[in-house]
Amino acid sequence: MDREIHIFKKSIHQSWLNLVAHLPKIMLSIVIFIIGLLLIRLINKYAKKIIISKSNDPLIADFILSVISLVLTVMVFVIALGILGFDDITNKILAGAGLTTFIIGFALKDIGENFIAGILMAFQRPFRIGDLIEIDGIKGRVIEMRLRSTTLKTPDGIDAYIPNGSILKNNLKNYTIDELMRHEFIISVGHDDRINHAIKLIDSLLHKNEFVLKMPMYSVLVDKIENDIVHILVHFWYKTDEVKAPGGKLKTDLQLTSYAVLKSEGFTVPTTTISIEHIAKKQMD
């Protein structure tokens, strides 16, 4: 028993001597690792300013900074291990990087899928911040784009976080990619011989409205005639970046003005006037 205790004490003493002998290297390794992390943070800070000023694209900036951070962090870690004398370990780390990547990628398949999807989106650019999009039934404005997820602000004020993998796998609708949207409504009048005059009145209202685009051209058409009522279908385009003409308000103004003008010209406007969108539901909230 005494022999085992003596061997144990000798082992502890030798370990302490080894620790004291390597303490300068350990301290130097820790200091270099901490300084390296601070330098990486500083580099990322300035690199982000430069990249955003050049590309004005936060998703690409996020991708490039993530790659830079990963590469520099691995380099600092390997240097710190090298200072401690673990050259064999660093060589094994570098040699096993491929296998490690495979294992981590398999274990974190969903995260990896979203990350790769974010990389693809950084270059394909299906939408940008501020665009009105719809993904798998979720509709809203893009307020943030990251490598793993995209954040939408829905019309009712909810922040929806959509994994980038889901964006690539589901149908995506971008309503504002070209800053143009079309709305439509139907206004009904009683059937008489002045239908062409009613169409001209509505056409004139659209022409005078400063927010209704003349190219692409608006249109006023007879949609159908039933029960002595003529349903007039109105299509119009507007710029989505025009803050003074949000889609819903512009559509409301045009319908109310059309109703008032038709009434003032003696047209019968049934109380059951239909106001529907039945071709392309592209409402601006």
C-alpha atoms as a PDB file:
ATOM      1  CA  MET A   1       0.000   0.000   0.000  1.00  0.00           C
ATOM      2  CA  ASP A   2       2.856   2.359   0.894  1.00  0.00           C
ATOM      3  CA  ARG A   3       4.468   1.598  -2.460  1.00  0.00           C
ATOM      4  CA  GLU A   4       1.350   2.561  -4.380  1.00  0.00           C
ATOM      5  CA  ILE A   5       1.024   5.787  -2.389  1.00  0.00           C
ATOM      6  CA  HIS A   6       4.656   6.602  -3.109  1.00  0.00           C
ATOM      7  CA  ILE A   7       4.169   5.981  -6.828  1.00  0.00           C
ATOM      8  CA  PHE A   8       1.039   8.157  -6.839  1.00  0.00           C
ATOM      9  CA  LYS A   9       2.843  11.021  -5.043  1.00  0.00           C
ATOM     10  CA  LYS A  10       5.746  10.734  -7.427  1.00  0.00           C
ATOM     11  CA  SER A  11       3.376  10.858 -10.396  1.00  0.00           C
ATOM     12  CA  ILE A  12       1.623  13.964  -9.029  1.00  0.00           C
ATOM     13  CA  HIS A  13       4.988  15.616  -8.364  1.00  0.00           C
ATOM     14  CA  GLN A  14       6.209  14.841 -11.879  1.00  0.00           C
ATOM     15  CA  SER A  15       2.985  16.172 -13.383  1.00  0.00           C
ATOM     16  CA  TRP A  16       3.399  19.378 -11.386  1.00  0.00           C
ATOM     17  CA  LEU A  17       6.998  19.759 -12.580  1.00  0.00           C
ATOM     18  CA  ASN A  18       5.870  19.231 -16.181  1.00  0.00           C
ATOM     19  CA  LEU A  19       3.127  21.807 -15.727  1.00  0.00           C
ATOM     20  CA  VAL A  20       5.571  24.345 -14.281  1.00  0.00           C
ATOM     21  CA  ALA A  21       8.046  23.625 -17.067  1.00  0.00           C
ATOM     22  CA  HIS A  22       5.395  24.129 -19.774  1.00  0.00           C
ATOM     23  CA  LEU A  23       3.588  26.986 -18.032  1.00  0.00           C
ATOM     24  CA  PRO A  24       5.265  29.723 -20.150  1.00  0.00           C
ATOM     25  CA  LYS A  25       4.210  27.909 -23.338  1.00  0.00           C
ATOM     26  CA  ILE A  26       0.679  27.424 -22.015  1.00  0.00           C
ATOM     27  CA  MET A  27       0.357  31.103 -21.067  1.00  0.00           C
ATOM     28  CA  LEU A  28       1.816  32.185 -24.411  1.00  0.00           C
ATOM     29  CA  SER A  29      -0.576  29.875 -26.253  1.00  0.00           C
ATOM     30  CA  ILE A  30      -3.591  31.249 -24.346  1.00  0.00           C
ATOM     31  CA  VAL A  31      -2.504  34.861 -24.914  1.00  0.00           C
ATOM     32  CA  ILE A  32      -1.962  34.276 -28.637  1.00  0.00           C
ATOM     33  CA  PHE A  33      -5.335  32.519 -28.920  1.00  0.00           C
ATOM     34  CA  ILE A  34      -7.157  35.398 -27.187  1.00  0.00           C
ATOM     35  CA  ILE A  35      -5.286  38.012 -29.225  1.00  0.00           C
ATOM     36  CA  GLY A  36      -6.099  36.028 -32.368  1.00  0.00           C
ATOM     37  CA  LEU A  37      -9.829  36.010 -31.564  1.00  0.00           C
ATOM     38  CA  LEU A  38      -9.766  39.763 -30.911  1.00  0.00           C
ATOM     39  CA  LEU A  39      -7.949  40.353 -34.197  1.00  0.00           C
ATOM     40  CA  ILE A  40     -10.497  38.185 -36.026  1.00  0.00           C
ATOM     41  CA  ARG A  41     -13.322  40.264 -34.544  1.00  0.00           C
ATOM     42  CA  LEU A  42     -11.534  43.468 -35.566  1.00  0.00           C
ATOM     43  CA  ILE A  43     -10.901  42.145 -39.081  1.00  0.00           C
ATOM     44  CA  ASN A  44     -14.564  41.143 -39.428  1.00  0.00           C
ATOM     45  CA  LYS A  45     -15.675  44.594 -38.306  1.00  0.00           C
ATOM     46  CA  TYR A  46     -13.665  46.407 -40.974  1.00  0.00           C
ATOM     47  CA  ALA A  47     -14.225  43.717 -43.606  1.00  0.00           C
ATOM     48  CA  LYS A  48     -17.998  44.035 -43.126  1.00  0.00           C
ATOM     49  CA  LYS A  49     -17.866  47.778 -43.784  1.00  0.00           C
ATOM     50  CA  ILE A  50     -15.799  47.261 -46.929  1.00  0.00           C
ATOM     51  CA  ILE A  51     -17.915  44.382 -48.289  1.00  0.00           C
ATOM     52  CA  ILE A  52     -21.263  46.112 -47.664  1.00  0.00           C
ATOM     53  CA  SER A  53     -19.968  49.349 -49.215  1.00  0.00           C
ATOM     54  CA  LYS A  54     -18.937  47.411 -52.314  1.00  0.00           C
ATOM     55  CA  SER A  55     -21.830  44.951 -52.706  1.00  0.00           C
ATOM     56  CA  ASN A  56     -24.616  46.558 -50.613  1.00  0.00           C
ATOM     57  CA  ASP A  57     -25.783  42.995 -49.985  1.00  0.00           C
ATOM     58  CA  PRO A  58     -25.999  41.819 -46.345  1.00  0.00           C
ATOM     59  CA  LEU A  59     -26.401  38.150 -47.278  1.00  0.00           C
ATOM     60  CA  ILE A  60     -23.199  38.022 -49.333  1.00  0.00           C
ATOM     61  CA  ALA A  61     -21.414  40.002 -46.617  1.00  0.00           C
ATOM     62  CA  ASP A  62     -22.619  37.519 -43.995  1.00  0.00           C
ATOM     63  CA  PHE A  63     -21.413  34.591 -46.097  1.00  0.00           C
ATOM     64  CA  ILE A  64     -17.947  36.038 -46.754  1.00  0.00           C
ATOM     65  CA  LEU A  65     -17.474  37.050 -43.115  1.00  0.00           C
ATOM     66  CA  SER A  66     -18.500  33.577 -41.925  1.00  0.00           C
ATOM     67  CA  VAL A  67     -15.909  31.969 -44.188  1.00  0.00           C
ATOM     68  CA  ILE A  68     -13.211  34.430 -43.096  1.00  0.00           C
ATOM     69  CA  SER A  69     -14.008  33.861 -39.407  1.00  0.00           C
ATOM     70  CA  LEU A  70     -13.948  30.074 -39.773  1.00  0.00           C
ATOM     71  CA  VAL A  71     -10.622  29.988 -41.628  1.00  0.00           C
ATOM     72  CA  LEU A  72      -8.898  32.463 -39.292  1.00  0.00           C
ATOM     73  CA  THR A  73     -10.218  30.738 -36.140  1.00  0.00           C
ATOM     74  CA  VAL A  74      -8.884  27.358 -37.307  1.00  0.00           C
ATOM     75  CA  MET A  75      -5.522  28.961 -38.100  1.00  0.00           C
ATOM     76  CA  VAL A  76      -5.281  30.584 -34.656  1.00  0.00           C
ATOM     77  CA  PHE A  77      -6.239  27.312 -32.957  1.00  0.00           C
ATOM     78  CA  VAL A  78      -3.596  25.365 -34.900  1.00  0.00           C
ATOM     79  CA  ILE A  79      -0.939  27.980 -34.083  1.00  0.00           C
ATOM     80  CA  ALA A  80      -1.821  27.815 -30.382  1.00  0.00           C
ATOM     81  CA  LEU A  81      -1.496  24.017 -30.379  1.00  0.00           C
ATOM     82  CA  GLY A  82       1.801  24.300 -32.249  1.00  0.00           C
ATOM     83  CA  ILE A  83       3.204  26.585 -29.537  1.00  0.00           C
ATOM     84  CA  LEU A  84       2.323  23.945 -26.951  1.00  0.00           C
ATOM     85  CA  GLY A  85       4.329  21.405 -28.947  1.00  0.00           C
ATOM     86  CA  PHE A  86       1.358  19.431 -30.223  1.00  0.00           C
ATOM     87  CA  ASP A  87       2.561  19.361 -33.829  1.00  0.00           C
ATOM     88  CA  ASP A  88       1.372  15.791 -34.263  1.00  0.00           C
ATOM     89  CA  ILE A  89      -2.094  16.764 -33.059  1.00  0.00           C
ATOM     90  CA  THR A  90      -2.305  19.724 -35.433  1.00  0.00           C
ATOM     91  CA  ASN A  91      -1.262  17.525 -38.331  1.00  0.00           C
ATOM     92  CA  LYS A  92      -3.953  15.011 -37.385  1.00  0.00           C
ATOM     93  CA  ILE A  93      -6.515  17.820 -37.115  1.00  0.00           C
ATOM     94  CA  LEU A  94      -5.685  19.053 -40.599  1.00  0.00           C
ATOM     95  CA  ALA A  95      -5.566  15.505 -42.000  1.00  0.00           C
ATOM     96  CA  GLY A  96      -8.904  14.611 -40.410  1.00  0.00           C
ATOM     97  CA  ALA A  97     -10.657  17.821 -41.416  1.00  0.00           C
ATOM     98  CA  GLY A  98     -12.464  16.085 -44.267  1.00  0.00           C
ATOM     99  CA  LEU A  99     -13.774  13.274 -42.075  1.00  0.00           C
ATOM    100  CA  THR A 100     -14.726  15.717 -39.319  1.00  0.00           C
ATOM    101  CA  THR A 101     -16.608  17.860 -41.811  1.00  0.00           C
ATOM    102  CA  PHE A 102     -18.514  14.808 -43.018  1.00  0.00           C
ATOM    103  CA  ILE A 103     -19.428  13.704 -39.487  1.00  0.00           C
ATOM    104  CA  ILE A 104     -20.519  17.180 -38.402  1.00  0.00           C
ATOM    105  CA  GLY A 105     -22.410  17.678 -41.633  1.00  0.00           C
ATOM    106  CA  PHE A 106     -24.311  14.423 -41.114  1.00  0.00           C
ATOM    107  CA  ALA A 107     -25.069  15.200 -37.468  1.00  0.00           C
ATOM    108  CA  LEU A 108     -26.216  18.732 -38.265  1.00  0.00           C
ATOM    109  CA  LYS A 109     -27.885  17.948 -41.576  1.00  0.00           C
ATOM    110  CA  ASP A 110     -30.688  20.494 -41.257  1.00  0.00           C
ATOM    111  CA  ILE A 111     -28.343  23.291 -40.190  1.00  0.00           C
ATOM    112  CA  GLY A 112     -25.997  22.418 -43.045  1.00  0.00           C
ATOM    113  CA  GLU A 113     -28.885  22.346 -45.493  1.00  0.00           C
ATOM    114  CA  ASN A 114     -30.027  25.821 -44.438  1.00  0.00           C
ATOM    115  CA  PHE A 115     -26.451  27.109 -44.566  1.00  0.00           C
ATOM    116  CA  ILE A 116     -25.888  25.815 -48.110  1.00  0.00           C
ATOM    117  CA  ALA A 117     -29.273  27.207 -49.137  1.00  0.00           C
ATOM    118  CA  GLY A 118     -28.192  30.584 -47.762  1.00  0.00           C
ATOM    119  CA  ILE A 119     -25.020  30.427 -49.839  1.00  0.00           C
ATOM    120  CA  LEU A 120     -27.022  29.660 -52.995  1.00  0.00           C
ATOM    121  CA  MET A 121     -29.448  32.490 -52.239  1.00  0.00           C
ATOM    122  CA  ALA A 122     -26.537  34.883 -51.755  1.00  0.00           C
ATOM    123  CA  PHE A 123     -25.712  34.485 -55.429  1.00  0.00           C
ATOM    124  CA  GLN A 124     -29.099  33.675 -56.991  1.00  0.00           C
ATOM    125  CA  ARG A 125     -30.822  36.623 -55.237  1.00  0.00           C
ATOM    126  CA  PRO A 126     -34.495  35.568 -55.526  1.00  0.00           C
ATOM    127  CA  PHE A 127     -35.414  38.530 -53.298  1.00  0.00           C
ATOM    128  CA  ARG A 128     -33.900  41.403 -51.376  1.00  0.00           C
ATOM    129  CA  ILE A 129     -34.610  43.186 -48.116  1.00  0.00           C
ATOM    130  CA  GLY A 130     -37.864  45.123 -48.441  1.00  0.00           C
ATOM    131  CA  ASP A 131     -39.411  42.797 -51.045  1.00  0.00           C
ATOM    132  CA  LEU A 132     -42.938  41.492 -50.500  1.00  0.00           C
ATOM    133  CA  ILE A 133     -42.775  37.705 -50.857  1.00  0.00           C
ATOM    134  CA  GLU A 134     -44.843  34.619 -50.088  1.00  0.00           C
ATOM    135  CA  ILE A 135     -43.349  31.254 -49.076  1.00  0.00           C
ATOM    136  CA  ASP A 136     -45.470  28.197 -48.346  1.00  0.00           C
ATOM    137  CA  GLY A 137     -48.494  30.350 -47.500  1.00  0.00           C
ATOM    138  CA  ILE A 138     -46.543  32.866 -45.366  1.00  0.00           C
ATOM    139  CA  LYS A 139     -46.619  36.373 -46.829  1.00  0.00           C
ATOM    140  CA  GLY A 140     -44.646  39.387 -45.651  1.00  0.00           C
ATOM    141  CA  ARG A 141     -41.859  41.903 -46.152  1.00  0.00           C
ATOM    142  CA  VAL A 142     -38.267  40.679 -45.980  1.00  0.00           C
ATOM    143  CA  ILE A 143     -36.664  42.490 -43.034  1.00  0.00           C
ATOM    144  CA  GLU A 144     -33.552  40.362 -42.483  1.00  0.00           C
ATOM    145  CA  MET A 145     -31.545  37.824 -44.485  1.00  0.00           C
ATOM    146  CA  ARG A 146     -29.047  35.516 -42.803  1.00  0.00           C
ATOM    147  CA  LEU A 147     -27.180  32.448 -44.006  1.00  0.00           C
ATOM    148  CA  ARG A 148     -29.436  30.071 -42.092  1.00  0.00           C
ATOM    149  CA  SER A 149     -32.812  31.849 -42.103  1.00  0.00           C
ATOM    150  CA  THR A 150     -34.818  34.736 -43.523  1.00  0.00           C
ATOM    151  CA  THR A 151     -37.125  36.942 -41.435  1.00  0.00           C
ATOM    152  CA  LEU A 152     -40.445  38.213 -42.786  1.00  0.00           C
ATOM    153  CA  LYS A 153     -42.704  40.858 -41.260  1.00  0.00           C
ATOM    154  CA  THR A 154     -46.257  39.677 -41.958  1.00  0.00           C
ATOM    155  CA  PRO A 155     -49.144  42.129 -42.543  1.00  0.00           C
ATOM    156  CA  ASP A 156     -50.379  41.580 -38.974  1.00  0.00           C
ATOM    157  CA  GLY A 157     -46.974  42.487 -37.513  1.00  0.00           C
ATOM    158  CA  ILE A 158     -45.654  38.988 -36.784  1.00  0.00           C
ATOM    159  CA  ASP A 159     -41.978  38.193 -37.409  1.00  0.00           C
ATOM    160  CA  ALA A 160     -41.788  34.878 -39.291  1.00  0.00           C
ATOM    161  CA  TYR A 161     -38.428  33.091 -39.341  1.00  0.00           C
ATOM    162  CA  ILE A 162     -38.170  30.903 -42.440  1.00  0.00           C
ATOM    163  CA  PRO A 163     -35.287  28.385 -42.758  1.00  0.00           C
ATOM    164  CA  ASN A 164     -33.448  28.996 -46.027  1.00  0.00           C
ATOM    165  CA  GLY A 165     -33.741  25.296 -46.877  1.00  0.00           C
ATOM    166  CA  SER A 166     -37.530  25.643 -46.860  1.00  0.00           C
ATOM    167  CA  ILE A 167     -37.324  28.652 -49.178  1.00  0.00           C
ATOM    168  CA  LEU A 168     -35.490  26.658 -51.839  1.00  0.00           C
ATOM    169  CA  LYS A 169     -37.765  23.607 -51.480  1.00  0.00           C
ATOM    170  CA  ASN A 170     -41.105  25.472 -51.571  1.00  0.00           C
ATOM    171  CA  ASN A 171     -42.724  27.703 -54.161  1.00  0.00           C
ATOM    172  CA  LEU A 172     -41.625  31.318 -53.783  1.00  0.00           C
ATOM    173  CA  LYS A 173     -43.658  34.316 -54.937  1.00  0.00           C
ATOM    174  CA  ASN A 174     -41.930  37.697 -55.145  1.00  0.00           C
ATOM    175  CA  TYR A 175     -44.514  40.410 -55.643  1.00  0.00           C
ATOM    176  CA  THR A 176     -42.112  43.347 -55.799  1.00  0.00           C
ATOM    177  CA  ILE A 177     -38.929  42.158 -57.510  1.00  0.00           C
ATOM    178  CA  ASP A 178     -39.458  44.625 -60.380  1.00  0.00           C
ATOM    179  CA  GLU A 179     -41.181  47.237 -58.140  1.00  0.00           C
ATOM    180  CA  LEU A 180     -44.425  46.778 -60.073  1.00  0.00           C
ATOM    181  CA  MET A 181     -47.740  45.337 -58.932  1.00  0.00           C
ATOM    182  CA  ARG A 182     -51.154  44.981 -60.477  1.00  0.00           C
ATOM    183  CA  HIS A 183     -54.464  45.320 -58.695  1.00  0.00           C
ATOM    184  CA  GLU A 184     -57.943  44.865 -60.056  1.00  0.00           C
ATOM    185  CA  PHE A 185     -61.522  45.335 -59.017  1.00  0.00           C
ATOM    186  CA  ILE A 186     -64.981  44.908 -60.479  1.00  0.00           C
ATOM    187  CA  ILE A 187     -67.638  47.608 -60.366  1.00  0.00           C
ATOM    188  CA  SER A 188     -71.142  46.850 -61.580  1.00  0.00           C
ATOM    189  CA  VAL A 189     -73.693  49.129 -63.239  1.00  0.00           C
ATOM    190  CA  GLY A 190     -77.231  48.641 -64.467  1.00  0.00           C
ATOM    191  CA  HIS A 191     -77.436  47.649 -68.143  1.00  0.00           C
ATOM    192  CA  ASP A 192     -78.318  50.449 -70.591  1.00  0.00           C
ATOM    193  CA  ASP A 193     -77.055  51.899 -73.858  1.00  0.00           C
ATOM    194  CA  ARG A 194     -74.328  53.962 -72.215  1.00  0.00           C
ATOM    195  CA  ILE A 195     -71.950  51.195 -71.133  1.00  0.00           C
ATOM    196  CA  ASN A 196     -69.241  52.582 -73.411  1.00  0.00           C
ATOM    197  CA  HIS A 197     -69.642  55.944 -71.673  1.00  0.00           C
ATOM    198  CA  ALA A 198     -69.252  54.276 -68.264  1.00  0.00           C
ATOM    199  CA  ILE A 199     -66.043  52.613 -69.461  1.00  0.00           C
ATOM    200  CA  LYS A 200     -64.735  55.953 -70.732  1.00  0.00           C
ATOM    201  CA  LEU A 201     -65.490  57.633 -67.394  1.00  0.00           C
ATOM    202  CA  ILE A 202     -63.518  55.006 -65.463  1.00  0.00           C
ATOM    203  CA  ASP A 203     -60.746  55.122 -68.060  1.00  0.00           C
ATOM    204  CA  SER A 204     -60.519  58.892 -67.593  1.00  0.00           C
ATOM    205  CA  LEU A 205     -60.226  58.501 -63.805  1.00  0.00           C
ATOM    206  CA  LEU A 206     -57.348  56.055 -64.200  1.00  0.00           C
ATOM    207  CA  HIS A 207     -55.626  58.348 -66.682  1.00  0.00           C
ATOM    208  CA  LYS A 208     -55.819  61.341 -64.312  1.00  0.00           C
ATOM    209  CA  ASN A 209     -54.583  59.466 -61.239  1.00  0.00           C
ATOM    210  CA  GLU A 210     -50.873  60.210 -60.768  1.00  0.00           C
ATOM    211  CA  PHE A 211     -50.162  56.885 -59.072  1.00  0.00           C
ATOM    212  CA  VAL A 212     -51.702  54.675 -61.773  1.00  0.00           C
ATOM    213  CA  LEU A 213     -48.974  53.766 -64.263  1.00  0.00           C
ATOM    214  CA  LYS A 214     -49.470  54.391 -67.966  1.00  0.00           C
ATOM    215  CA  MET A 215     -46.869  51.756 -68.788  1.00  0.00           C
ATOM    216  CA  PRO A 216     -47.773  48.952 -68.247  1.00  0.00           C
ATOM    217  CA  MET A 217     -51.124  50.252 -69.402  1.00  0.00           C
ATOM    218  CA  TYR A 218     -54.253  49.978 -67.289  1.00  0.00           C
ATOM    219  CA  SER A 219     -57.397  48.429 -68.787  1.00  0.00           C
ATOM    220  CA  VAL A 220     -61.174  48.761 -68.354  1.00  0.00           C
ATOM    221  CA  LEU A 221     -63.126  45.778 -69.719  1.00  0.00           C
ATOM    222  CA  VAL A 222     -66.596  44.261 -69.567  1.00  0.00           C
ATOM    223  CA  ASP A 223     -66.155  41.129 -67.498  1.00  0.00           C
ATOM    224  CA  LYS A 224     -69.667  39.695 -67.869  1.00  0.00           C
ATOM    225  CA  ILE A 225     -73.331  40.618 -68.164  1.00  0.00           C
ATOM    226  CA  GLU A 226     -75.948  38.927 -66.001  1.00  0.00           C
ATOM    227  CA  ASN A 227     -79.436  39.832 -64.755  1.00  0.00           C
ATOM    228  CA  ASP A 228     -79.341  43.244 -66.498  1.00  0.00           C
ATOM    229  CA  ILE A 229     -76.146  44.093 -64.622  1.00  0.00           C
ATOM    230  CA  VAL A 230     -72.828  44.757 -66.376  1.00  0.00           C
ATOM    231  CA  HIS A 231     -69.711  43.888 -64.414  1.00  0.00           C
ATOM    232  CA  ILE A 232     -66.793  46.103 -65.429  1.00  0.00           C
ATOM    233  CA  LEU A 233     -63.325  44.722 -64.683  1.00  0.00           C
ATOM    234  CA  VAL A 234     -60.579  47.272 -63.989  1.00  0.00           C
ATOM    235  CA  HIS A 235     -56.846  46.429 -64.047  1.00  0.00           C
ATOM    236  CA  PHE A 236     -54.202  48.934 -63.003  1.00  0.00           C
ATOM    237  CA  TRP A 237     -50.481  48.935 -62.221  1.00  0.00           C
ATOM    238  CA  TYR A 238     -48.548  50.977 -59.668  1.00  0.00           C
ATOM    239  CA  LYS A 239     -45.024  51.309 -58.272  1.00  0.00           C
ATOM    240  CA  THR A 240     -44.473  49.442 -55.023  1.00  0.00           C
ATOM    241  CA  ASP A 241     -41.786  51.899 -53.921  1.00  0.00           C
ATOM    242  CA  GLU A 242     -44.247  54.809 -54.009  1.00  0.00           C
ATOM    243  CA  VAL A 243     -44.970  55.338 -50.314  1.00  0.00           C
ATOM    244  CA  LYS A 244     -47.826  57.740 -51.045  1.00  0.00           C
ATOM    245  CA  ALA A 245     -49.746  55.077 -52.929  1.00  0.00           C
ATOM    246  CA  PRO A 246     -49.926  51.835 -50.931  1.00  0.00           C
ATOM    247  CA  GLY A 247     -51.858  49.280 -52.960  1.00  0.00           C
ATOM    248  CA  GLY A 248     -54.864  48.869 -50.690  1.00  0.00           C
ATOM    249  CA  LYS A 249     -55.496  52.602 -50.338  1.00  0.00           C
ATOM    250  CA  LEU A 250     -55.065  53.306 -54.055  1.00  0.00           C
ATOM    251  CA  LYS A 251     -57.522  50.567 -54.935  1.00  0.00           C
ATOM    252  CA  THR A 252     -60.047  51.886 -52.405  1.00  0.00           C
ATOM    253  CA  ASP A 253     -59.723  55.456 -53.720  1.00  0.00           C
ATOM    254  CA  LEU A 254     -60.252  54.333 -57.314  1.00  0.00           C
ATOM    255  CA  GLN A 255     -63.345  52.290 -56.441  1.00  0.00           C
ATOM    256  CA  LEU A 256     -64.968  55.058 -54.401  1.00  0.00           C
ATOM    257  CA  THR A 257     -64.211  57.687 -57.047  1.00  0.00           C
ATOM    258  CA  SER A 258     -65.555  55.452 -59.829  1.00  0.00           C
ATOM    259  CA  TYR A 259     -68.716  54.803 -57.819  1.00  0.00           C
ATOM    260  CA  ALA A 260     -69.258  58.523 -57.181  1.00  0.00           C
ATOM    261  CA  VAL A 261     -68.680  59.542 -60.814  1.00  0.00           C
ATOM    262  CA  LEU A 262     -70.974  56.845 -62.186  1.00  0.00           C
ATOM    263  CA  LYS A 263     -73.732  57.855 -59.755  1.00  0.00           C
ATOM    264  CA  SER A 264     -73.329  61.522 -60.684  1.00  0.00           C
ATOM    265  CA  GLU A 265     -73.705  60.609 -64.387  1.00  0.00           C
ATOM    266  CA  GLY A 266     -77.005  58.890 -63.704  1.00  0.00           C
ATOM    267  CA  PHE A 267     -75.846  55.281 -63.817  1.00  0.00           C
ATOM    268  CA  THR A 268     -77.570  52.765 -61.605  1.00  0.00           C
ATOM    269  CA  VAL A 269     -74.975  51.176 -59.334  1.00  0.00           C
ATOM    270  CA  PRO A 270     -76.543  48.127 -57.632  1.00  0.00           C
ATOM    271  CA  THR A 271     -76.068  47.771 -53.892  1.00  0.00           C
ATOM    272  CA  THR A 272     -74.816  44.250 -54.599  1.00  0.00           C
ATOM    273  CA  THR A 273     -71.859  45.613 -56.561  1.00  0.00           C
ATOM    274  CA  ILE A 274     -69.168  42.968 -56.708  1.00  0.00           C
ATOM    275  CA  SER A 275     -65.605  43.863 -55.772  1.00  0.00           C
ATOM    276  CA  ILE A 276     -63.397  40.845 -56.176  1.00  0.00           C
ATOM    277  CA  GLU A 277     -59.939  39.869 -57.326  1.00  0.00           C
ATOM    278  CA  HIS A 278     -60.112  36.683 -59.292  1.00  0.00           C
ATOM    279  CA  ILE A 279     -57.113  36.569 -61.589  1.00  0.00           C
ATOM    280  CA  ALA A 280     -53.982  37.396 -59.560  1.00  0.00           C
ATOM    281  CA  LYS A 281     -54.245  38.068 -55.829  1.00  0.00           C
ATOM    282  CA  LYS A 282     -51.572  40.697 -55.421  1.00  0.00           C
ATOM    283  CA  GLN A 283     -52.668  42.875 -52.571  1.00  0.00           C
ATOM    284  CA  MET A 284     -50.419  45.388 -50.867  1.00  0.00           C
ATOM    285  CA  ASP A 285     -51.146  45.580 -47.179  1.00  0.00           C
END
